[in-house]
PDB file of N, CA and C in Angstrom:
ATOM      1  N   MET A   1       6.191 -30.130  25.100  1.00  0.00           N
ATOM      2  CA  MET A   1       6.636 -29.379  23.949  1.00  0.00           C
ATOM      3  C   MET A   1       5.499 -28.545  23.377  1.00  0.00           C
ATOM      4  N   ASP A   2       4.272 -29.088  23.458  1.00  0.00           N
ATOM      5  CA  ASP A   2       3.132 -28.318  22.977  1.00  0.00           C
ATOM      6  C   ASP A   2       2.954 -27.029  23.763  1.00  0.00           C
ATOM      7  N   ALA A   3       3.295 -27.065  25.047  1.00  0.00           N
ATOM      8  CA  ALA A   3       3.169 -25.863  25.862  1.00  0.00           C
ATOM      9  C   ALA A   3       4.127 -24.777  25.378  1.00  0.00           C
ATOM     10  N   VAL A   4       5.325 -25.168  24.992  1.00  0.00           N
ATOM     11  CA  VAL A   4       6.309 -24.197  24.496  1.00  0.00           C
ATOM     12  C   VAL A   4       5.832 -23.597  23.174  1.00  0.00           C
ATOM     13  N   PHE A   5       5.416 -24.452  22.235  1.00  0.00           N
ATOM     14  CA  PHE A   5       4.939 -23.958  20.945  1.00  0.00           C
ATOM     15  C   PHE A   5       3.668 -23.131  21.099  1.00  0.00           C
ATOM     16  N   GLY A   6       2.808 -23.531  22.021  1.00  0.00           N
ATOM     17  CA  GLY A   6       1.593 -22.756  22.283  1.00  0.00           C
ATOM     18  C   GLY A   6       1.912 -21.385  22.844  1.00  0.00           C
ATOM     19  N   PHE A   7       2.896 -21.315  23.749  1.00  0.00           N
ATOM     20  CA  PHE A   7       3.306 -20.024  24.310  1.00  0.00           C
ATOM     21  C   PHE A   7       3.889 -19.132  23.227  1.00  0.00           C
ATOM     22  N   ILE A   8       4.767 -19.677  22.399  1.00  0.00           N
ATOM     23  CA  ILE A   8       5.371 -18.882  21.322  1.00  0.00           C
ATOM     24  C   ILE A   8       4.294 -18.417  20.345  1.00  0.00           C
ATOM     25  N   SER A   9       3.396 -19.302  19.988  1.00  0.00           N
ATOM     26  CA  SER A   9       2.356 -18.956  19.030  1.00  0.00           C
ATOM     27  C   SER A   9       1.431 -17.864  19.559  1.00  0.00           C
ATOM     28  N   SER A  10       1.062 -17.944  20.827  1.00  0.00           N
ATOM     29  CA  SER A  10       0.132 -16.950  21.362  1.00  0.00           C
ATOM     30  C   SER A  10       0.805 -15.632  21.713  1.00  0.00           C
ATOM     31  N   ASN A  11       2.125 -15.598  21.810  1.00  0.00           N
ATOM     32  CA  ASN A  11       2.853 -14.374  22.142  1.00  0.00           C
ATOM     33  C   ASN A  11       3.815 -13.968  21.030  1.00  0.00           C
ATOM     34  N   MET A  12       3.485 -14.292  19.794  1.00  0.00           N
ATOM     35  CA  MET A  12       4.412 -14.069  18.685  1.00  0.00           C
ATOM     36  C   MET A  12       4.732 -12.601  18.460  1.00  0.00           C
ATOM     37  N   VAL A  13       3.774 -11.725  18.643  1.00  0.00           N
ATOM     38  CA  VAL A  13       4.029 -10.296  18.411  1.00  0.00           C
ATOM     39  C   VAL A  13       5.049  -9.774  19.421  1.00  0.00           C
ATOM     40  N   LEU A  14       4.891 -10.136  20.679  1.00  0.00           N
ATOM     41  CA  LEU A  14       5.828  -9.693  21.716  1.00  0.00           C
ATOM     42  C   LEU A  14       7.204 -10.320  21.511  1.00  0.00           C
ATOM     43  N   ILE A  15       7.252 -11.591  21.162  1.00  0.00           N
ATOM     44  CA  ILE A  15       8.528 -12.254  20.917  1.00  0.00           C
ATOM     45  C   ILE A  15       9.226 -11.630  19.712  1.00  0.00           C
ATOM     46  N   GLY A  16       8.491 -11.319  18.669  1.00  0.00           N
ATOM     47  CA  GLY A  16       9.075 -10.656  17.503  1.00  0.00           C
ATOM     48  C   GLY A  16       9.608  -9.272  17.832  1.00  0.00           C
ATOM     49  N   PHE A  17       8.892  -8.543  18.684  1.00  0.00           N
ATOM     50  CA  PHE A  17       9.339  -7.213  19.121  1.00  0.00           C
ATOM     51  C   PHE A  17      10.655  -7.323  19.893  1.00  0.00           C
ATOM     52  N   ILE A  18      10.715  -8.258  20.829  1.00  0.00           N
ATOM     53  CA  ILE A  18      11.934  -8.427  21.631  1.00  0.00           C
ATOM     54  C   ILE A  18      13.086  -8.911  20.758  1.00  0.00           C
ATOM     55  N   TRP A  19      12.812  -9.844  19.843  1.00  0.00           N
ATOM     56  CA  TRP A  19      13.855 -10.328  18.938  1.00  0.00           C
ATOM     57  C   TRP A  19      14.391  -9.190  18.075  1.00  0.00           C
ATOM     58  N   GLY A  20      13.509  -8.317  17.602  1.00  0.00           N
ATOM     59  CA  GLY A  20      13.948  -7.173  16.802  1.00  0.00           C
ATOM     60  C   GLY A  20      14.853  -6.239  17.583  1.00  0.00           C
ATOM     61  N   ILE A  21      14.528  -5.995  18.845  1.00  0.00           N
ATOM     62  CA  ILE A  21      15.384  -5.138  19.676  1.00  0.00           C
ATOM     63  C   ILE A  21      16.741  -5.796  19.903  1.00  0.00           C
ATOM     64  N   ILE A  22      16.739  -7.096  20.153  1.00  0.00           N
ATOM     65  CA  ILE A  22      18.009  -7.801  20.370  1.00  0.00           C
ATOM     66  C   ILE A  22      18.886  -7.727  19.121  1.00  0.00           C
ATOM     67  N   VAL A  23      18.311  -7.991  17.946  1.00  0.00           N
ATOM     68  CA  VAL A  23      19.100  -7.970  16.709  1.00  0.00           C
ATOM     69  C   VAL A  23      19.591  -6.562  16.411  1.00  0.00           C
ATOM     70  N   LYS A  24      18.769  -5.566  16.668  1.00  0.00           N
ATOM     71  CA  LYS A  24      19.123  -4.194  16.316  1.00  0.00           C
ATOM     72  C   LYS A  24      20.176  -3.606  17.250  1.00  0.00           C
ATOM     73  N   TYR A  25      20.137  -3.967  18.533  1.00  0.00           N
ATOM     74  CA  TYR A  25      20.997  -3.291  19.497  1.00  0.00           C
ATOM     75  C   TYR A  25      22.080  -4.165  20.128  1.00  0.00           C
ATOM     76  N   ALA A  26      22.056  -5.463  19.968  1.00  0.00           N
ATOM     77  CA  ALA A  26      23.096  -6.317  20.553  1.00  0.00           C
ATOM     78  C   ALA A  26      24.338  -6.292  19.674  1.00  0.00           C
ATOM     79  N   PRO A  27      25.487  -5.975  20.254  1.00  0.00           N
ATOM     80  CA  PRO A  27      26.708  -5.892  19.444  1.00  0.00           C
ATOM     81  C   PRO A  27      27.092  -7.216  18.784  1.00  0.00           C
ATOM     82  N   GLY A  28      26.790  -8.330  19.411  1.00  0.00           N
ATOM     83  CA  GLY A  28      27.155  -9.628  18.847  1.00  0.00           C
ATOM     84  C   GLY A  28      26.394  -9.979  17.583  1.00  0.00           C
ATOM     85  N   LEU A  29      25.259  -9.337  17.341  1.00  0.00           N
ATOM     86  CA  LEU A  29      24.452  -9.630  16.155  1.00  0.00           C
ATOM     87  C   LEU A  29      24.540  -8.514  15.115  1.00  0.00           C
ATOM     88  N   SER A  30      25.635  -7.791  15.120  1.00  0.00           N
ATOM     89  CA  SER A  30      25.764  -6.667  14.186  1.00  0.00           C
ATOM     90  C   SER A  30      25.880  -7.126  12.733  1.00  0.00           C
ATOM     91  N   LYS A  31      26.218  -8.376  12.499  1.00  0.00           N
ATOM     92  CA  LYS A  31      26.332  -8.884  11.124  1.00  0.00           C
ATOM     93  C   LYS A  31      24.960  -9.176  10.498  1.00  0.00           C
ATOM     94  N   VAL A  32      23.913  -9.307  11.321  1.00  0.00           N
ATOM     95  CA  VAL A  32      22.575  -9.590  10.805  1.00  0.00           C
ATOM     96  C   VAL A  32      21.957  -8.279  10.317  1.00  0.00           C
ATOM     97  N   PRO A  33      21.593  -8.176   9.047  1.00  0.00           N
ATOM     98  CA  PRO A  33      20.991  -6.929   8.557  1.00  0.00           C
ATOM     99  C   PRO A  33      19.631  -6.677   9.219  1.00  0.00           C
ATOM    100  N   ASN A  34      19.386  -5.432   9.583  1.00  0.00           N
ATOM    101  CA  ASN A  34      18.123  -5.077  10.235  1.00  0.00           C
ATOM    102  C   ASN A  34      16.921  -5.300   9.320  1.00  0.00           C
ATOM    103  N   ALA A  35      17.148  -5.283   8.024  1.00  0.00           N
ATOM    104  CA  ALA A  35      16.047  -5.497   7.086  1.00  0.00           C
ATOM    105  C   ALA A  35      15.510  -6.930   7.146  1.00  0.00           C
ATOM    106  N   LEU A  36      16.278  -7.858   7.701  1.00  0.00           N
ATOM    107  CA  LEU A  36      15.838  -9.243   7.801  1.00  0.00           C
ATOM    108  C   LEU A  36      14.951  -9.506   9.020  1.00  0.00           C
ATOM    109  N   ILE A  37      14.862  -8.575   9.950  1.00  0.00           N
ATOM    110  CA  ILE A  37      14.111  -8.802  11.191  1.00  0.00           C
ATOM    111  C   ILE A  37      12.657  -9.171  10.919  1.00  0.00           C
ATOM    112  N   PRO A  38      11.898  -8.413  10.117  1.00  0.00           N
ATOM    113  CA  PRO A  38      10.503  -8.806   9.900  1.00  0.00           C
ATOM    114  C   PRO A  38      10.356 -10.161   9.207  1.00  0.00           C
ATOM    115  N   TYR A  39      11.274 -10.492   8.314  1.00  0.00           N
ATOM    116  CA  TYR A  39      11.207 -11.775   7.625  1.00  0.00           C
ATOM    117  C   TYR A  39      11.510 -12.927   8.583  1.00  0.00           C
ATOM    118  N   MET A  40      12.488 -12.732   9.476  1.00  0.00           N
ATOM    119  CA  MET A  40      12.774 -13.755  10.475  1.00  0.00           C
ATOM    120  C   MET A  40      11.585 -13.934  11.411  1.00  0.00           C
ATOM    121  N   ASN A  41      10.936 -12.824  11.785  1.00  0.00           N
ATOM    122  CA  ASN A  41       9.746 -12.917  12.635  1.00  0.00           C
ATOM    123  C   ASN A  41       8.620 -13.657  11.922  1.00  0.00           C
ATOM    124  N   ALA A  42       8.433 -13.381  10.645  1.00  0.00           N
ATOM    125  CA  ALA A  42       7.376 -14.061   9.887  1.00  0.00           C
ATOM    126  C   ALA A  42       7.666 -15.554   9.746  1.00  0.00           C
ATOM    127  N   ILE A  43       8.918 -15.910   9.507  1.00  0.00           N
ATOM    128  CA  ILE A  43       9.274 -17.323   9.385  1.00  0.00           C
ATOM    129  C   ILE A  43       9.073 -18.043  10.715  1.00  0.00           C
ATOM    130  N   LEU A  44       9.482 -17.414  11.827  1.00  0.00           N
ATOM    131  CA  LEU A  44       9.271 -18.020  13.138  1.00  0.00           C
ATOM    132  C   LEU A  44       7.785 -18.192  13.433  1.00  0.00           C
ATOM    133  N   ALA A  45       6.990 -17.178  13.106  1.00  0.00           N
ATOM    134  CA  ALA A  45       5.548 -17.276  13.333  1.00  0.00           C
ATOM    135  C   ALA A  45       4.927 -18.358  12.451  1.00  0.00           C
ATOM    136  N   LEU A  46       5.380 -18.475  11.219  1.00  0.00           N
ATOM    137  CA  LEU A  46       4.863 -19.505  10.326  1.00  0.00           C
ATOM    138  C   LEU A  46       5.204 -20.898  10.842  1.00  0.00           C
ATOM    139  N   LEU A  47       6.448 -21.098  11.248  1.00  0.00           N
ATOM    140  CA  LEU A  47       6.853 -22.416  11.739  1.00  0.00           C
ATOM    141  C   LEU A  47       6.114 -22.786  13.017  1.00  0.00           C
ATOM    142  N   THR A  48       5.964 -21.841  13.939  1.00  0.00           N
ATOM    143  CA  THR A  48       5.231 -22.164  15.160  1.00  0.00           C
ATOM    144  C   THR A  48       3.750 -22.360  14.876  1.00  0.00           C
ATOM    145  N   GLY A  49       3.207 -21.647  13.898  1.00  0.00           N
ATOM    146  CA  GLY A  49       1.813 -21.847  13.536  1.00  0.00           C
ATOM    147  C   GLY A  49       1.561 -23.220  12.934  1.00  0.00           C
ATOM    148  N   LEU A  50       2.568 -23.743  12.250  1.00  0.00           N
ATOM    149  CA  LEU A  50       2.417 -25.060  11.632  1.00  0.00           C
ATOM    150  C   LEU A  50       2.573 -26.202  12.630  1.00  0.00           C
ATOM    151  N   VAL A  51       3.413 -26.017  13.672  1.00  0.00           N
ATOM    152  CA  VAL A  51       3.667 -27.114  14.606  1.00  0.00           C
ATOM    153  C   VAL A  51       3.004 -26.922  15.959  1.00  0.00           C
ATOM    154  N   ALA A  52       2.491 -25.739  16.234  1.00  0.00           N
ATOM    155  CA  ALA A  52       1.849 -25.487  17.527  1.00  0.00           C
ATOM    156  C   ALA A  52       0.513 -26.219  17.589  1.00  0.00           C
ATOM    157  N   PRO A  53       0.024 -26.459  18.790  1.00  0.00           N
ATOM    158  CA  PRO A  53      -1.289 -27.097  18.900  1.00  0.00           C
ATOM    159  C   PRO A  53      -2.366 -26.229  18.278  1.00  0.00           C
ATOM    160  N   ALA A  54      -3.376 -26.869  17.756  1.00  0.00           N
ATOM    161  CA  ALA A  54      -4.452 -26.146  17.069  1.00  0.00           C
ATOM    162  C   ALA A  54      -5.204 -25.239  18.041  1.00  0.00           C
ATOM    163  N   THR A  55      -5.606 -24.084  17.551  1.00  0.00           N
ATOM    164  CA  THR A  55      -6.394 -23.161  18.359  1.00  0.00           C
ATOM    165  C   THR A  55      -7.848 -23.600  18.354  1.00  0.00           C
ATOM    166  N   ALA A  56      -8.653 -22.906  19.113  1.00  0.00           N
ATOM    167  CA  ALA A  56     -10.076 -23.245  19.179  1.00  0.00           C
ATOM    168  C   ALA A  56     -10.708 -23.082  17.795  1.00  0.00           C
ATOM    169  N   HIS A  57     -11.766 -23.803  17.541  1.00  0.00           N
ATOM    170  CA  HIS A  57     -12.417 -23.747  16.232  1.00  0.00           C
ATOM    171  C   HIS A  57     -13.010 -22.379  15.950  1.00  0.00           C
ATOM    172  N   ALA A  58     -13.300 -21.604  16.985  1.00  0.00           N
ATOM    173  CA  ALA A  58     -13.863 -20.275  16.767  1.00  0.00           C
ATOM    174  C   ALA A  58     -12.798 -19.265  16.370  1.00  0.00           C
ATOM    175  N   SER A  59     -11.535 -19.586  16.585  1.00  0.00           N
ATOM    176  CA  SER A  59     -10.448 -18.665  16.291  1.00  0.00           C
ATOM    177  C   SER A  59      -9.766 -19.079  14.997  1.00  0.00           C
ATOM    178  N   PHE A  60      -9.785 -18.218  14.012  1.00  0.00           N
ATOM    179  CA  PHE A  60      -9.167 -18.532  12.734  1.00  0.00           C
ATOM    180  C   PHE A  60      -7.938 -17.689  12.444  1.00  0.00           C
ATOM    181  N   GLY A  61      -7.473 -16.877  13.385  1.00  0.00           N
ATOM    182  CA  GLY A  61      -6.280 -16.079  13.158  1.00  0.00           C
ATOM    183  C   GLY A  61      -6.574 -14.842  12.329  1.00  0.00           C
ATOM    184  N   SER A  62      -5.526 -14.256  11.812  1.00  0.00           N
ATOM    185  CA  SER A  62      -5.648 -13.025  11.048  1.00  0.00           C
ATOM    186  C   SER A  62      -6.388 -13.258   9.744  1.00  0.00           C
ATOM    187  N   PHE A  63      -7.151 -12.310   9.339  1.00  0.00           N
ATOM    188  CA  PHE A  63      -7.860 -12.294   8.065  1.00  0.00           C
ATOM    189  C   PHE A  63      -8.932 -13.389   7.956  1.00  0.00           C
ATOM    190  N   MET A  64      -9.298 -14.009   9.078  1.00  0.00           N
ATOM    191  CA  MET A  64     -10.301 -15.081   9.076  1.00  0.00           C
ATOM    192  C   MET A  64      -9.974 -16.114   8.004  1.00  0.00           C
ATOM    193  N   ALA A  65      -8.696 -16.424   7.850  1.00  0.00           N
ATOM    194  CA  ALA A  65      -8.251 -17.271   6.755  1.00  0.00           C
ATOM    195  C   ALA A  65      -8.433 -18.758   7.036  1.00  0.00           C
ATOM    196  N   GLY A  66      -8.700 -19.113   8.253  1.00  0.00           N
ATOM    197  CA  GLY A  66      -8.886 -20.521   8.563  1.00  0.00           C
ATOM    198  C   GLY A  66      -7.565 -21.233   8.752  1.00  0.00           C
ATOM    199  N   PRO A  67      -7.615 -22.473   9.200  1.00  0.00           N
ATOM    200  CA  PRO A  67      -6.387 -23.215   9.488  1.00  0.00           C
ATOM    201  C   PRO A  67      -5.774 -23.851   8.238  1.00  0.00           C
ATOM    202  N   THR A  68      -5.599 -23.079   7.203  1.00  0.00           N
ATOM    203  CA  THR A  68      -4.964 -23.558   5.977  1.00  0.00           C
ATOM    204  C   THR A  68      -3.536 -23.044   5.932  1.00  0.00           C
ATOM    205  N   PHE A  69      -2.763 -23.507   4.968  1.00  0.00           N
ATOM    206  CA  PHE A  69      -1.393 -23.028   4.838  1.00  0.00           C
ATOM    207  C   PHE A  69      -1.377 -21.530   4.548  1.00  0.00           C
ATOM    208  N   PHE A  70      -2.278 -21.053   3.697  1.00  0.00           N
ATOM    209  CA  PHE A  70      -2.367 -19.619   3.423  1.00  0.00           C
ATOM    210  C   PHE A  70      -2.746 -18.853   4.689  1.00  0.00           C
ATOM    211  N   GLY A  71      -3.602 -19.432   5.478  1.00  0.00           N
ATOM    212  CA  GLY A  71      -3.982 -18.790   6.744  1.00  0.00           C
ATOM    213  C   GLY A  71      -2.800 -18.637   7.676  1.00  0.00           C
ATOM    214  N   HIS A  72      -1.929 -19.640   7.728  1.00  0.00           N
ATOM    215  CA  HIS A  72      -0.729 -19.552   8.558  1.00  0.00           C
ATOM    216  C   HIS A  72       0.227 -18.498   8.018  1.00  0.00           C
ATOM    217  N   ILE A  73       0.350 -18.422   6.703  1.00  0.00           N
ATOM    218  CA  ILE A  73       1.232 -17.405   6.105  1.00  0.00           C
ATOM    219  C   ILE A  73       0.692 -16.007   6.387  1.00  0.00           C
ATOM    220  N   ALA A  74      -0.610 -15.805   6.234  1.00  0.00           N
ATOM    221  CA  ALA A  74      -1.211 -14.493   6.490  1.00  0.00           C
ATOM    222  C   ALA A  74      -1.074 -14.112   7.958  1.00  0.00           C
ATOM    223  N   SER A  75      -1.285 -15.048   8.851  1.00  0.00           N
ATOM    224  CA  SER A  75      -1.145 -14.755  10.281  1.00  0.00           C
ATOM    225  C   SER A  75       0.296 -14.444  10.643  1.00  0.00           C
ATOM    226  N   ALA A  76       1.246 -15.165  10.058  1.00  0.00           N
ATOM    227  CA  ALA A  76       2.656 -14.912  10.329  1.00  0.00           C
ATOM    228  C   ALA A  76       3.070 -13.542   9.816  1.00  0.00           C
ATOM    229  N   ALA A  77       2.629 -13.189   8.624  1.00  0.00           N
ATOM    230  CA  ALA A  77       2.966 -11.867   8.075  1.00  0.00           C
ATOM    231  C   ALA A  77       2.357 -10.766   8.934  1.00  0.00           C
ATOM    232  N   TRP A  78       1.136 -10.950   9.387  1.00  0.00           N
ATOM    233  CA  TRP A  78       0.485  -9.938  10.205  1.00  0.00           C
ATOM    234  C   TRP A  78       1.193  -9.793  11.554  1.00  0.00           C
ATOM    235  N   ALA A  79       1.652 -10.882  12.152  1.00  0.00           N
ATOM    236  CA  ALA A  79       2.394 -10.809  13.408  1.00  0.00           C
ATOM    237  C   ALA A  79       3.707 -10.051  13.221  1.00  0.00           C
ATOM    238  N   ALA A  80       4.396 -10.284  12.098  1.00  0.00           N
ATOM    239  CA  ALA A  80       5.648  -9.574  11.821  1.00  0.00           C
ATOM    240  C   ALA A  80       5.393  -8.080  11.616  1.00  0.00           C
ATOM    241  N   ILE A  81       4.315  -7.741  10.931  1.00  0.00           N
ATOM    242  CA  ILE A  81       3.970  -6.329  10.724  1.00  0.00           C
ATOM    243  C   ILE A  81       3.641  -5.662  12.045  1.00  0.00           C
ATOM    244  N   GLN A  82       2.896  -6.343  12.913  1.00  0.00           N
ATOM    245  CA  GLN A  82       2.561  -5.774  14.214  1.00  0.00           C
ATOM    246  C   GLN A  82       3.809  -5.548  15.055  1.00  0.00           C
ATOM    247  N   SER A  83       4.744  -6.492  15.041  1.00  0.00           N
ATOM    248  CA  SER A  83       5.987  -6.332  15.794  1.00  0.00           C
ATOM    249  C   SER A  83       6.774  -5.119  15.303  1.00  0.00           C
ATOM    250  N   ALA A  84       6.864  -4.964  13.986  1.00  0.00           N
ATOM    251  CA  ALA A  84       7.593  -3.825  13.425  1.00  0.00           C
ATOM    252  C   ALA A  84       6.920  -2.507  13.781  1.00  0.00           C
ATOM    253  N   LEU A  85       5.599  -2.471  13.740  1.00  0.00           N
ATOM    254  CA  LEU A  85       4.887  -1.244  14.089  1.00  0.00           C
ATOM    255  C   LEU A  85       5.028  -0.898  15.557  1.00  0.00           C
ATOM    256  N   ILE A  86       4.989  -1.894  16.422  1.00  0.00           N
ATOM    257  CA  ILE A  86       5.173  -1.634  17.851  1.00  0.00           C
ATOM    258  C   ILE A  86       6.558  -1.055  18.098  1.00  0.00           C
ATOM    259  N   PHE A  87       7.572  -1.596  17.435  1.00  0.00           N
ATOM    260  CA  PHE A  87       8.916  -1.051  17.597  1.00  0.00           C
ATOM    261  C   PHE A  87       8.990   0.392  17.101  1.00  0.00           C
ATOM    262  N   GLU A  88       8.458   0.651  15.916  1.00  0.00           N
ATOM    263  CA  GLU A  88       8.551   1.998  15.351  1.00  0.00           C
ATOM    264  C   GLU A  88       7.793   3.029  16.180  1.00  0.00           C
ATOM    265  N   VAL A  89       6.648   2.660  16.723  1.00  0.00           N
ATOM    266  CA  VAL A  89       5.831   3.620  17.444  1.00  0.00           C
ATOM    267  C   VAL A  89       6.262   3.758  18.899  1.00  0.00           C
ATOM    268  N   PHE A  90       6.521   2.625  19.570  1.00  0.00           N
ATOM    269  CA  PHE A  90       6.772   2.665  21.008  1.00  0.00           C
ATOM    270  C   PHE A  90       8.208   2.381  21.414  1.00  0.00           C
ATOM    271  N   GLY A  91       8.999   1.734  20.581  1.00  0.00           N
ATOM    272  CA  GLY A  91      10.314   1.293  21.008  1.00  0.00           C
ATOM    273  C   GLY A  91      11.488   2.128  20.569  1.00  0.00           C
ATOM    274  N   ARG A  92      11.468   2.601  19.346  1.00  0.00           N
ATOM    275  CA  ARG A  92      12.661   3.255  18.786  1.00  0.00           C
ATOM    276  C   ARG A  92      13.027   4.533  19.513  1.00  0.00           C
ATOM    277  N   HIS A  93      12.079   5.410  19.736  1.00  0.00           N
ATOM    278  CA  HIS A  93      12.381   6.714  20.335  1.00  0.00           C
ATOM    279  C   HIS A  93      12.853   6.599  21.782  1.00  0.00           C
ATOM    280  N   PRO A  94      12.202   5.799  22.642  1.00  0.00           N
ATOM    281  CA  PRO A  94      12.736   5.673  23.999  1.00  0.00           C
ATOM    282  C   PRO A  94      14.119   5.029  24.037  1.00  0.00           C
ATOM    283  N   LEU A  95      14.362   4.039  23.183  1.00  0.00           N
ATOM    284  CA  LEU A  95      15.680   3.419  23.174  1.00  0.00           C
ATOM    285  C   LEU A  95      16.756   4.389  22.701  1.00  0.00           C
ATOM    286  N   ASN A  96      16.444   5.187  21.692  1.00  0.00           N
ATOM    287  CA  ASN A  96      17.417   6.188  21.234  1.00  0.00           C
ATOM    288  C   ASN A  96      17.634   7.267  22.281  1.00  0.00           C
ATOM    289  N   ALA A  97      16.582   7.644  23.006  1.00  0.00           N
ATOM    290  CA  ALA A  97      16.714   8.643  24.058  1.00  0.00           C
ATOM    291  C   ALA A  97      17.566   8.118  25.216  1.00  0.00           C
ATOM    292  N   MET A  98      17.522   6.815  25.457  1.00  0.00           N
ATOM    293  CA  MET A  98      18.344   6.220  26.530  1.00  0.00           C
ATOM    294  C   MET A  98      19.780   6.022  26.090  1.00  0.00           C
ATOM    295  N   GLY A  99      20.086   6.273  24.838  1.00  0.00           N
ATOM    296  CA  GLY A  99      21.446   6.168  24.340  1.00  0.00           C
ATOM    297  C   GLY A  99      21.826   4.813  23.787  1.00  0.00           C
ATOM    298  N   ALA A 100      20.847   3.986  23.454  1.00  0.00           N
ATOM    299  CA  ALA A 100      21.156   2.671  22.873  1.00  0.00           C
ATOM    300  C   ALA A 100      21.777   2.875  21.492  1.00  0.00           C
ATOM    301  N   LYS A 101      22.827   2.155  21.222  1.00  0.00           N
ATOM    302  CA  LYS A 101      23.538   2.274  19.958  1.00  0.00           C
ATOM    303  C   LYS A 101      23.044   1.215  18.986  1.00  0.00           C
ATOM    304  N   LYS A 102      22.629   1.651  17.784  1.00  0.00           N
ATOM    305  CA  LYS A 102      22.155   0.724  16.760  1.00  0.00           C
ATOM    306  C   LYS A 102      23.333   0.038  16.098  1.00  0.00           C
ATOM    307  N   ASN A 103      23.102  -1.175  15.629  1.00  0.00           N
ATOM    308  CA  ASN A 103      24.133  -1.909  14.876  1.00  0.00           C
ATOM    309  C   ASN A 103      24.027  -1.586  13.419  1.00  0.00           C
TER     310      ASN A 103
END
């Protein structure tokens, strides 16, 4: 189980990006407001940061906040922001050009 949480924790930005695309473009999830995507990504990152195995002592995550609860919140928020920026810069225009329909 630690391997799963470790994988999610170390790839949170990519997982948040993919989750955002799924929520935005999958017809079955049209009831989920798109404005909730970054918050869901932050909550997932926070939960995995709290239960995932500890990182190396030299790595303190975003903002050098350390392995405190505030540090987990700051790292989760930063991962959600990075996912949203990756979508806006690299994902939205190619998906719209391919004809993907937004929910």
